[in-house]
């Protein structure tokens, strides 16, 4: 499992055990081109129990490992190690794209 950031070190620094499920969740979010909902994360790693995905995302968000946003009343998660950025979302179709500058 190739990652850009040292997810193992990040988990250890937060006092978490490094488990395959936690690494899989971080890997999915690190590679994502846009913030993902919990169900989208769970869909990408079917070998991890969906309840585990939801609980892990919640804990990681509280510890600052993930950024959380809301779109259409659904919480979306992105890996906090990514640089500060914003997204534009089409209100009609939901298409999401990253902004290149901050307003």
PDB file of N, CA and C in Angstrom:
ATOM      1  N   UNK A   1       0.849  -1.171   0.000  1.00  0.00           N
ATOM      2  CA  UNK A   1       0.000   0.000   0.000  1.00  0.00           C
ATOM      3  C   UNK A   1       0.898   1.239   0.000  1.00  0.00           C
ATOM      4  N   UNK A   2       0.963   1.932  -1.110  1.00  0.00           N
ATOM      5  CA  UNK A   2       1.828   3.100  -1.237  1.00  0.00           C
ATOM      6  C   UNK A   2       1.103   4.359  -0.771  1.00  0.00           C
ATOM      7  N   UNK A   3       1.752   5.132   0.075  1.00  0.00           N
ATOM      8  CA  UNK A   3       1.180   6.393   0.532  1.00  0.00           C
ATOM      9  C   UNK A   3       2.227   7.488   0.421  1.00  0.00           C
ATOM     10  N   UNK A   4       1.766   8.720   0.327  1.00  0.00           N
ATOM     11  CA  UNK A   4       2.659   9.862   0.248  1.00  0.00           C
ATOM     12  C   UNK A   4       3.139  10.255   1.635  1.00  0.00           C
ATOM     13  N   UNK A   5       2.276  10.161   2.616  1.00  0.00           N
ATOM     14  CA  UNK A   5       2.595  10.553   3.984  1.00  0.00           C
ATOM     15  C   UNK A   5       2.857   9.308   4.820  1.00  0.00           C
ATOM     16  N   UNK A   6       3.521   9.500   5.927  1.00  0.00           N
ATOM     17  CA  UNK A   6       3.812   8.380   6.811  1.00  0.00           C
ATOM     18  C   UNK A   6       2.619   8.158   7.743  1.00  0.00           C
ATOM     19  N   UNK A   7       1.637   7.417   7.242  1.00  0.00           N
ATOM     20  CA  UNK A   7       0.409   7.167   7.997  1.00  0.00           C
ATOM     21  C   UNK A   7       0.690   6.384   9.275  1.00  0.00           C
ATOM     22  N   UNK A   8       1.639   5.483   9.221  1.00  0.00           N
ATOM     23  CA  UNK A   8       1.983   4.693  10.408  1.00  0.00           C
ATOM     24  C   UNK A   8       2.483   5.616  11.516  1.00  0.00           C
ATOM     25  N   UNK A   9       3.383   6.530  11.169  1.00  0.00           N
ATOM     26  CA  UNK A   9       3.911   7.477  12.149  1.00  0.00           C
ATOM     27  C   UNK A   9       2.793   8.355  12.695  1.00  0.00           C
ATOM     28  N   UNK A  10       1.919   8.832  11.822  1.00  0.00           N
ATOM     29  CA  UNK A  10       0.814   9.688  12.267  1.00  0.00           C
ATOM     30  C   UNK A  10      -0.086   8.969  13.264  1.00  0.00           C
ATOM     31  N   UNK A  11      -0.389   7.712  12.994  1.00  0.00           N
ATOM     32  CA  UNK A  11      -1.225   6.943  13.919  1.00  0.00           C
ATOM     33  C   UNK A  11      -0.519   6.750  15.255  1.00  0.00           C
ATOM     34  N   UNK A  12       0.766   6.427  15.217  1.00  0.00           N
ATOM     35  CA  UNK A  12       1.527   6.259  16.464  1.00  0.00           C
ATOM     36  C   UNK A  12       1.567   7.556  17.270  1.00  0.00           C
ATOM     37  N   UNK A  13       1.783   8.684  16.591  1.00  0.00           N
ATOM     38  CA  UNK A  13       1.835   9.974  17.285  1.00  0.00           C
ATOM     39  C   UNK A  13       0.510  10.309  17.969  1.00  0.00           C
ATOM     40  N   UNK A  14      -0.595   9.833  17.405  1.00  0.00           N
ATOM     41  CA  UNK A  14      -1.908  10.065  18.006  1.00  0.00           C
ATOM     42  C   UNK A  14      -2.248   9.024  19.074  1.00  0.00           C
ATOM     43  N   UNK A  15      -1.360   8.041  19.251  1.00  0.00           N
ATOM     44  CA  UNK A  15      -1.581   7.023  20.265  1.00  0.00           C
ATOM     45  C   UNK A  15      -2.460   5.872  19.800  1.00  0.00           C
ATOM     46  N   UNK A  16      -2.592   5.706  18.477  1.00  0.00           N
ATOM     47  CA  UNK A  16      -3.430   4.635  17.937  1.00  0.00           C
ATOM     48  C   UNK A  16      -2.588   3.446  17.513  1.00  0.00           C
ATOM     49  N   UNK A  17      -3.188   2.269  17.670  1.00  0.00           N
ATOM     50  CA  UNK A  17      -2.573   1.072  17.101  1.00  0.00           C
ATOM     51  C   UNK A  17      -2.696   1.174  15.591  1.00  0.00           C
ATOM     52  N   UNK A  18      -1.722   0.646  14.892  1.00  0.00           N
ATOM     53  CA  UNK A  18      -1.764   0.625  13.435  1.00  0.00           C
ATOM     54  C   UNK A  18      -2.430  -0.679  13.022  1.00  0.00           C
ATOM     55  N   UNK A  19      -3.624  -0.562  12.460  1.00  0.00           N
ATOM     56  CA  UNK A  19      -4.363  -1.739  12.011  1.00  0.00           C
ATOM     57  C   UNK A  19      -4.560  -1.651  10.500  1.00  0.00           C
ATOM     58  N   UNK A  20      -4.784  -2.784   9.846  1.00  0.00           N
ATOM     59  CA  UNK A  20      -5.044  -2.748   8.403  1.00  0.00           C
ATOM     60  C   UNK A  20      -6.246  -1.865   8.053  1.00  0.00           C
ATOM     61  N   UNK A  21      -7.290  -1.883   8.872  1.00  0.00           N
ATOM     62  CA  UNK A  21      -8.478  -1.076   8.592  1.00  0.00           C
ATOM     63  C   UNK A  21      -8.140   0.416   8.652  1.00  0.00           C
ATOM     64  N   UNK A  22      -7.428   0.846   9.669  1.00  0.00           N
ATOM     65  CA  UNK A  22      -7.067   2.261   9.805  1.00  0.00           C
ATOM     66  C   UNK A  22      -6.171   2.713   8.658  1.00  0.00           C
ATOM     67  N   UNK A  23      -5.200   1.886   8.305  1.00  0.00           N
ATOM     68  CA  UNK A  23      -4.324   2.234   7.185  1.00  0.00           C
ATOM     69  C   UNK A  23      -5.096   2.291   5.874  1.00  0.00           C
ATOM     70  N   UNK A  24      -6.036   1.369   5.685  1.00  0.00           N
ATOM     71  CA  UNK A  24      -6.845   1.363   4.460  1.00  0.00           C
ATOM     72  C   UNK A  24      -7.681   2.632   4.346  1.00  0.00           C
ATOM     73  N   UNK A  25      -8.269   3.055   5.453  1.00  0.00           N
ATOM     74  CA  UNK A  25      -9.093   4.265   5.459  1.00  0.00           C
ATOM     75  C   UNK A  25      -8.237   5.483   5.118  1.00  0.00           C
ATOM     76  N   UNK A  26      -7.076   5.602   5.740  1.00  0.00           N
ATOM     77  CA  UNK A  26      -6.192   6.727   5.442  1.00  0.00           C
ATOM     78  C   UNK A  26      -5.708   6.689   4.003  1.00  0.00           C
ATOM     79  N   UNK A  27      -5.399   5.501   3.515  1.00  0.00           N
ATOM     80  CA  UNK A  27      -4.929   5.352   2.142  1.00  0.00           C
ATOM     81  C   UNK A  27      -6.001   5.813   1.146  1.00  0.00           C
ATOM     82  N   UNK A  28      -7.241   5.414   1.367  1.00  0.00           N
ATOM     83  CA  UNK A  28      -8.341   5.821   0.483  1.00  0.00           C
ATOM     84  C   UNK A  28      -8.479   7.341   0.477  1.00  0.00           C
ATOM     85  N   UNK A  29      -8.451   7.950   1.644  1.00  0.00           N
ATOM     86  CA  UNK A  29      -8.624   9.404   1.726  1.00  0.00           C
ATOM     87  C   UNK A  29      -7.413  10.154   1.179  1.00  0.00           C
ATOM     88  N   UNK A  30      -6.230   9.599   1.357  1.00  0.00           N
ATOM     89  CA  UNK A  30      -5.036  10.249   0.835  1.00  0.00           C
ATOM     90  C   UNK A  30      -5.052  10.273  -0.692  1.00  0.00           C
ATOM     91  N   UNK A  31      -5.540   9.229  -1.304  1.00  0.00           N
ATOM     92  CA  UNK A  31      -5.544   9.128  -2.766  1.00  0.00           C
ATOM     93  C   UNK A  31      -6.768   9.785  -3.407  1.00  0.00           C
ATOM     94  N   UNK A  32      -7.759  10.133  -2.607  1.00  0.00           N
ATOM     95  CA  UNK A  32      -9.006  10.696  -3.145  1.00  0.00           C
ATOM     96  C   UNK A  32      -8.765  12.071  -3.759  1.00  0.00           C
ATOM     97  N   UNK A  33      -9.422  12.337  -4.858  1.00  0.00           N
ATOM     98  CA  UNK A  33      -9.311  13.620  -5.554  1.00  0.00           C
ATOM     99  C   UNK A  33     -10.274  14.657  -4.982  1.00  0.00           C
ATOM    100  N   UNK A  34     -11.187  14.206  -4.124  1.00  0.00           N
ATOM    101  CA  UNK A  34     -12.186  15.092  -3.528  1.00  0.00           C
ATOM    102  C   UNK A  34     -12.586  14.511  -2.180  1.00  0.00           C
ATOM    103  N   UNK A  35     -13.210  15.312  -1.323  1.00  0.00           N
ATOM    104  CA  UNK A  35     -13.691  14.764  -0.047  1.00  0.00           C
ATOM    105  C   UNK A  35     -14.708  13.648  -0.287  1.00  0.00           C
ATOM    106  N   UNK A  36     -14.637  12.606   0.538  1.00  0.00           N
ATOM    107  CA  UNK A  36     -15.515  11.444   0.390  1.00  0.00           C
ATOM    108  C   UNK A  36     -16.437  11.298   1.589  1.00  0.00           C
ATOM    109  N   UNK A  37     -17.619  10.776   1.338  1.00  0.00           N
ATOM    110  CA  UNK A  37     -18.531  10.443   2.435  1.00  0.00           C
ATOM    111  C   UNK A  37     -18.074   9.128   3.058  1.00  0.00           C
ATOM    112  N   UNK A  38     -18.585   8.838   4.229  1.00  0.00           N
ATOM    113  CA  UNK A  38     -18.235   7.584   4.906  1.00  0.00           C
ATOM    114  C   UNK A  38     -18.644   6.379   4.060  1.00  0.00           C
ATOM    115  N   UNK A  39     -19.803   6.459   3.422  1.00  0.00           N
ATOM    116  CA  UNK A  39     -20.246   5.324   2.607  1.00  0.00           C
ATOM    117  C   UNK A  39     -19.361   5.151   1.374  1.00  0.00           C
ATOM    118  N   UNK A  40     -18.839   6.254   0.817  1.00  0.00           N
ATOM    119  CA  UNK A  40     -17.915   6.140  -0.317  1.00  0.00           C
ATOM    120  C   UNK A  40     -16.604   5.493   0.121  1.00  0.00           C
ATOM    121  N   UNK A  41     -16.122   5.862   1.298  1.00  0.00           N
ATOM    122  CA  UNK A  41     -14.902   5.241   1.825  1.00  0.00           C
ATOM    123  C   UNK A  41     -15.149   3.751   2.041  1.00  0.00           C
ATOM    124  N   UNK A  42     -16.264   3.416   2.670  1.00  0.00           N
ATOM    125  CA  UNK A  42     -16.594   2.012   2.948  1.00  0.00           C
ATOM    126  C   UNK A  42     -16.714   1.202   1.655  1.00  0.00           C
ATOM    127  N   UNK A  43     -17.272   1.813   0.628  1.00  0.00           N
ATOM    128  CA  UNK A  43     -17.438   1.131  -0.659  1.00  0.00           C
ATOM    129  C   UNK A  43     -16.086   0.787  -1.287  1.00  0.00           C
ATOM    130  N   UNK A  44     -15.089   1.637  -1.053  1.00  0.00           N
ATOM    131  CA  UNK A  44     -13.763   1.419  -1.640  1.00  0.00           C
ATOM    132  C   UNK A  44     -12.947   0.352  -0.896  1.00  0.00           C
ATOM    133  N   UNK A  45     -13.360   0.023   0.331  1.00  0.00           N
ATOM    134  CA  UNK A  45     -12.658  -1.015   1.101  1.00  0.00           C
ATOM    135  C   UNK A  45     -13.684  -1.996   1.677  1.00  0.00           C
ATOM    136  N   UNK A  46     -14.268  -2.822   0.814  1.00  0.00           N
ATOM    137  CA  UNK A  46     -15.341  -3.724   1.249  1.00  0.00           C
ATOM    138  C   UNK A  46     -14.926  -4.752   2.299  1.00  0.00           C
ATOM    139  N   UNK A  47     -13.626  -4.987   2.463  1.00  0.00           N
ATOM    140  CA  UNK A  47     -13.178  -5.958   3.466  1.00  0.00           C
ATOM    141  C   UNK A  47     -13.169  -5.370   4.876  1.00  0.00           C
ATOM    142  N   UNK A  48     -13.473  -4.058   5.009  1.00  0.00           N
ATOM    143  CA  UNK A  48     -13.556  -3.414   6.317  1.00  0.00           C
ATOM    144  C   UNK A  48     -15.022  -3.159   6.641  1.00  0.00           C
ATOM    145  N   UNK A  49     -15.447  -3.562   7.829  1.00  0.00           N
ATOM    146  CA  UNK A  49     -16.821  -3.389   8.273  1.00  0.00           C
ATOM    147  C   UNK A  49     -17.220  -1.919   8.183  1.00  0.00           C
ATOM    148  N   UNK A  50     -18.409  -1.639   7.665  1.00  0.00           N
ATOM    149  CA  UNK A  50     -18.865  -0.265   7.470  1.00  0.00           C
ATOM    150  C   UNK A  50     -18.956   0.513   8.788  1.00  0.00           C
ATOM    151  N   UNK A  51     -19.357  -0.157   9.849  1.00  0.00           N
ATOM    152  CA  UNK A  51     -19.422   0.501  11.161  1.00  0.00           C
ATOM    153  C   UNK A  51     -18.018   0.933  11.600  1.00  0.00           C
ATOM    154  N   UNK A  52     -17.033   0.100  11.337  1.00  0.00           N
ATOM    155  CA  UNK A  52     -15.650   0.441  11.654  1.00  0.00           C
ATOM    156  C   UNK A  52     -15.219   1.680  10.888  1.00  0.00           C
ATOM    157  N   UNK A  53     -15.604   1.770   9.616  1.00  0.00           N
ATOM    158  CA  UNK A  53     -15.261   2.939   8.804  1.00  0.00           C
ATOM    159  C   UNK A  53     -15.866   4.193   9.420  1.00  0.00           C
ATOM    160  N   UNK A  54     -17.152   4.170   9.739  1.00  0.00           N
ATOM    161  CA  UNK A  54     -17.828   5.338  10.316  1.00  0.00           C
ATOM    162  C   UNK A  54     -17.170   5.764  11.637  1.00  0.00           C
ATOM    163  N   UNK A  55     -16.936   4.809  12.506  1.00  0.00           N
ATOM    164  CA  UNK A  55     -16.339   5.125  13.814  1.00  0.00           C
ATOM    165  C   UNK A  55     -14.918   5.670  13.667  1.00  0.00           C
ATOM    166  N   UNK A  56     -14.151   5.069  12.791  1.00  0.00           N
ATOM    167  CA  UNK A  56     -12.769   5.492  12.594  1.00  0.00           C
ATOM    168  C   UNK A  56     -12.707   6.898  12.006  1.00  0.00           C
ATOM    169  N   UNK A  57     -13.568   7.188  11.039  1.00  0.00           N
ATOM    170  CA  UNK A  57     -13.604   8.532  10.455  1.00  0.00           C
ATOM    171  C   UNK A  57     -13.942   9.573  11.515  1.00  0.00           C
ATOM    172  N   UNK A  58     -14.892   9.254  12.369  1.00  0.00           N
ATOM    173  CA  UNK A  58     -15.294  10.184  13.430  1.00  0.00           C
ATOM    174  C   UNK A  58     -14.138  10.455  14.398  1.00  0.00           C
ATOM    175  N   UNK A  59     -13.459   9.410  14.814  1.00  0.00           N
ATOM    176  CA  UNK A  59     -12.341   9.546  15.747  1.00  0.00           C
ATOM    177  C   UNK A  59     -11.186  10.312  15.093  1.00  0.00           C
ATOM    178  N   UNK A  60     -10.840   9.958  13.860  1.00  0.00           N
ATOM    179  CA  UNK A  60      -9.750  10.634  13.162  1.00  0.00           C
ATOM    180  C   UNK A  60     -10.060  12.114  12.957  1.00  0.00           C
ATOM    181  N   UNK A  61     -11.304  12.429  12.680  1.00  0.00           N
ATOM    182  CA  UNK A  61     -11.695  13.839  12.496  1.00  0.00           C
ATOM    183  C   UNK A  61     -11.544  14.610  13.803  1.00  0.00           C
ATOM    184  N   UNK A  62     -11.965  14.006  14.919  1.00  0.00           N
ATOM    185  CA  UNK A  62     -11.835  14.668  16.226  1.00  0.00           C
ATOM    186  C   UNK A  62     -10.384  14.913  16.596  1.00  0.00           C
ATOM    187  N   UNK A  63      -9.489  14.032  16.160  1.00  0.00           N
ATOM    188  CA  UNK A  63      -8.060  14.156  16.466  1.00  0.00           C
ATOM    189  C   UNK A  63      -7.323  15.046  15.466  1.00  0.00           C
ATOM    190  N   UNK A  64      -8.033  15.543  14.439  1.00  0.00           N
ATOM    191  CA  UNK A  64      -7.418  16.445  13.473  1.00  0.00           C
ATOM    192  C   UNK A  64      -6.701  15.780  12.322  1.00  0.00           C
ATOM    193  N   UNK A  65      -6.830  14.472  12.215  1.00  0.00           N
ATOM    194  CA  UNK A  65      -6.182  13.750  11.123  1.00  0.00           C
ATOM    195  C   UNK A  65      -6.943  13.939   9.811  1.00  0.00           C
ATOM    196  N   UNK A  66      -8.220  14.251   9.919  1.00  0.00           N
ATOM    197  CA  UNK A  66      -9.074  14.475   8.744  1.00  0.00           C
ATOM    198  C   UNK A  66      -9.754  15.826   8.838  1.00  0.00           C
ATOM    199  N   UNK A  67     -10.066  16.398   7.687  1.00  0.00           N
ATOM    200  CA  UNK A  67     -10.923  17.582   7.609  1.00  0.00           C
ATOM    201  C   UNK A  67     -12.328  17.096   7.313  1.00  0.00           C
ATOM    202  N   UNK A  68     -13.305  17.809   7.864  1.00  0.00           N
ATOM    203  CA  UNK A  68     -14.696  17.421   7.655  1.00  0.00           C
ATOM    204  C   UNK A  68     -15.454  18.590   7.058  1.00  0.00           C
ATOM    205  N   UNK A  69     -16.257  18.298   6.058  1.00  0.00           N
ATOM    206  CA  UNK A  69     -17.128  19.287   5.446  1.00  0.00           C
ATOM    207  C   UNK A  69     -18.475  18.651   5.199  1.00  0.00           C
ATOM    208  N   UNK A  70     -19.424  19.469   4.837  1.00  0.00           N
ATOM    209  CA  UNK A  70     -20.763  18.946   4.591  1.00  0.00           C
ATOM    210  C   UNK A  70     -21.212  19.367   3.205  1.00  0.00           C
ATOM    211  N   UNK A  71     -21.802  18.430   2.488  1.00  0.00           N
ATOM    212  CA  UNK A  71     -22.371  18.703   1.175  1.00  0.00           C
ATOM    213  C   UNK A  71     -23.675  17.931   1.089  1.00  0.00           C
ATOM    214  N   UNK A  72     -24.756  18.640   0.810  1.00  0.00           N
ATOM    215  CA  UNK A  72     -26.077  18.015   0.689  1.00  0.00           C
ATOM    216  C   UNK A  72     -26.419  17.186   1.932  1.00  0.00           C
ATOM    217  N   UNK A  73     -26.130  17.742   3.095  1.00  0.00           N
ATOM    218  CA  UNK A  73     -26.417  17.114   4.393  1.00  0.00           C
ATOM    219  C   UNK A  73     -25.662  15.810   4.637  1.00  0.00           C
ATOM    220  N   UNK A  74     -24.566  15.630   3.923  1.00  0.00           N
ATOM    221  CA  UNK A  74     -23.730  14.442   4.099  1.00  0.00           C
ATOM    222  C   UNK A  74     -22.332  14.912   4.474  1.00  0.00           C
ATOM    223  N   UNK A  75     -21.801  14.352   5.552  1.00  0.00           N
ATOM    224  CA  UNK A  75     -20.448  14.689   5.979  1.00  0.00           C
ATOM    225  C   UNK A  75     -19.457  14.084   4.995  1.00  0.00           C
ATOM    226  N   UNK A  76     -18.447  14.878   4.641  1.00  0.00           N
ATOM    227  CA  UNK A  76     -17.416  14.446   3.706  1.00  0.00           C
ATOM    228  C   UNK A  76     -16.061  14.623   4.387  1.00  0.00           C
ATOM    229  N   UNK A  77     -15.166  13.695   4.134  1.00  0.00           N
ATOM    230  CA  UNK A  77     -13.879  13.662   4.816  1.00  0.00           C
ATOM    231  C   UNK A  77     -12.730  13.770   3.815  1.00  0.00           C
ATOM    232  N   UNK A  78     -11.696  14.510   4.216  1.00  0.00           N
ATOM    233  CA  UNK A  78     -10.479  14.580   3.417  1.00  0.00           C
ATOM    234  C   UNK A  78      -9.285  14.480   4.369  1.00  0.00           C
ATOM    235  N   UNK A  79      -8.185  14.032   3.837  1.00  0.00           N
ATOM    236  CA  UNK A  79      -6.975  13.810   4.618  1.00  0.00           C
ATOM    237  C   UNK A  79      -6.351  15.158   4.971  1.00  0.00           C
ATOM    238  N   UNK A  80      -6.171  15.440   6.230  1.00  0.00           N
ATOM    239  CA  UNK A  80      -5.695  16.753   6.690  1.00  0.00           C
ATOM    240  C   UNK A  80      -4.255  17.025   6.284  1.00  0.00           C
ATOM    241  N   UNK A  81      -3.478  16.005   5.973  1.00  0.00           N
ATOM    242  CA  UNK A  81      -2.087  16.220   5.568  1.00  0.00           C
ATOM    243  C   UNK A  81      -1.992  16.878   4.200  1.00  0.00           C
ATOM    244  N   UNK A  82      -3.090  16.866   3.446  1.00  0.00           N
ATOM    245  CA  UNK A  82      -3.102  17.588   2.176  1.00  0.00           C
ATOM    246  C   UNK A  82      -3.056  19.077   2.476  1.00  0.00           C
ATOM    247  N   UNK A  83      -2.487  19.844   1.577  1.00  0.00           N
ATOM    248  CA  UNK A  83      -2.392  21.282   1.802  1.00  0.00           C
ATOM    249  C   UNK A  83      -3.782  21.924   1.841  1.00  0.00           C
ATOM    250  N   UNK A  84      -3.846  23.105   2.431  1.00  0.00           N
ATOM    251  CA  UNK A  84      -5.095  23.855   2.531  1.00  0.00           C
ATOM    252  C   UNK A  84      -5.638  24.114   1.129  1.00  0.00           C
ATOM    253  N   UNK A  85      -6.902  23.792   0.912  1.00  0.00           N
ATOM    254  CA  UNK A  85      -7.525  24.047  -0.382  1.00  0.00           C
ATOM    255  C   UNK A  85      -9.039  24.043  -0.244  1.00  0.00           C
ATOM    256  N   UNK A  86      -9.697  24.487  -1.284  1.00  0.00           N
ATOM    257  CA  UNK A  86     -11.157  24.550  -1.304  1.00  0.00           C
ATOM    258  C   UNK A  86     -11.675  23.852  -2.549  1.00  0.00           C
ATOM    259  N   UNK A  87     -12.969  23.578  -2.536  1.00  0.00           N
ATOM    260  CA  UNK A  87     -13.620  22.970  -3.695  1.00  0.00           C
ATOM    261  C   UNK A  87     -14.808  23.809  -4.116  1.00  0.00           C
ATOM    262  N   UNK A  88     -15.075  23.810  -5.418  1.00  0.00           N
ATOM    263  CA  UNK A  88     -16.306  24.395  -5.939  1.00  0.00           C
ATOM    264  C   UNK A  88     -17.230  23.228  -6.266  1.00  0.00           C
ATOM    265  N   UNK A  89     -18.505  23.378  -5.915  1.00  0.00           N
ATOM    266  CA  UNK A  89     -19.465  22.316  -6.134  1.00  0.00           C
ATOM    267  C   UNK A  89     -20.641  22.869  -6.934  1.00  0.00           C
ATOM    268  N   UNK A  90     -20.966  22.214  -8.033  1.00  0.00           N
ATOM    269  CA  UNK A  90     -22.122  22.608  -8.841  1.00  0.00           C
ATOM    270  C   UNK A  90     -23.391  22.268  -8.063  1.00  0.00           C
ATOM    271  N   UNK A  91     -24.256  23.259  -7.871  1.00  0.00           N
ATOM    272  CA  UNK A  91     -25.490  23.033  -7.117  1.00  0.00           C
ATOM    273  C   UNK A  91     -26.501  22.194  -7.900  1.00  0.00           C
ATOM    274  N   UNK A  92     -26.346  22.106  -9.216  1.00  0.00           N
ATOM    275  CA  UNK A  92     -27.272  21.313 -10.031  1.00  0.00           C
ATOM    276  C   UNK A  92     -26.884  19.834 -10.088  1.00  0.00           C
ATOM    277  N   UNK A  93     -25.633  19.553 -10.484  1.00  0.00           N
ATOM    278  CA  UNK A  93     -25.240  18.153 -10.694  1.00  0.00           C
ATOM    279  C   UNK A  93     -24.334  17.591  -9.613  1.00  0.00           C
ATOM    280  N   UNK A  94     -23.771  18.467  -8.762  1.00  0.00           N
ATOM    281  CA  UNK A  94     -22.894  17.992  -7.696  1.00  0.00           C
ATOM    282  C   UNK A  94     -21.449  17.824  -8.097  1.00  0.00           C
ATOM    283  N   UNK A  95     -21.100  18.156  -9.356  1.00  0.00           N
ATOM    284  CA  UNK A  95     -19.708  18.053  -9.793  1.00  0.00           C
ATOM    285  C   UNK A  95     -18.829  18.882  -8.865  1.00  0.00           C
ATOM    286  N   UNK A  96     -17.699  18.310  -8.453  1.00  0.00           N
ATOM    287  CA  UNK A  96     -16.788  18.983  -7.525  1.00  0.00           C
ATOM    288  C   UNK A  96     -15.434  19.154  -8.191  1.00  0.00           C
ATOM    289  N   UNK A  97     -14.853  20.343  -8.035  1.00  0.00           N
ATOM    290  CA  UNK A  97     -13.514  20.583  -8.543  1.00  0.00           C
ATOM    291  C   UNK A  97     -12.744  21.435  -7.539  1.00  0.00           C
ATOM    292  N   UNK A  98     -11.448  21.267  -7.518  1.00  0.00           N
ATOM    293  CA  UNK A  98     -10.618  22.005  -6.581  1.00  0.00           C
ATOM    294  C   UNK A  98     -10.387  23.423  -7.081  1.00  0.00           C
ATOM    295  N   UNK A  99     -10.386  24.391  -6.169  1.00  0.00           N
ATOM    296  CA  UNK A  99     -10.058  25.780  -6.502  1.00  0.00           C
ATOM    297  C   UNK A  99      -8.545  25.931  -6.466  1.00  0.00           C
ATOM    298  N   UNK A 100      -8.005  26.725  -7.361  1.00  0.00           N
ATOM    299  CA  UNK A 100      -6.560  26.906  -7.381  1.00  0.00           C
ATOM    300  C   UNK A 100      -6.093  28.057  -6.510  1.00  0.00           C
ATOM    301  N   UNK A 101      -7.001  28.936  -6.103  1.00  0.00           N
ATOM    302  CA  UNK A 101      -6.647  30.038  -5.212  1.00  0.00           C
ATOM    303  C   UNK A 101      -7.656  30.141  -4.075  1.00  0.00           C
ATOM    304  N   UNK A 102      -7.260  30.814  -3.048  1.00  0.00           N
ATOM    305  CA  UNK A 102      -8.128  31.019  -1.891  1.00  0.00           C
ATOM    306  C   UNK A 102      -8.650  32.451  -1.959  1.00  0.00           C
ATOM    307  N   UNK A 103      -9.928  32.629  -1.781  1.00  0.00           N
ATOM    308  CA  UNK A 103     -10.530  33.960  -1.896  1.00  0.00           C
ATOM    309  C   UNK A 103     -10.213  34.831  -0.707  1.00  0.00           C
TER     310      UNK A 103
END
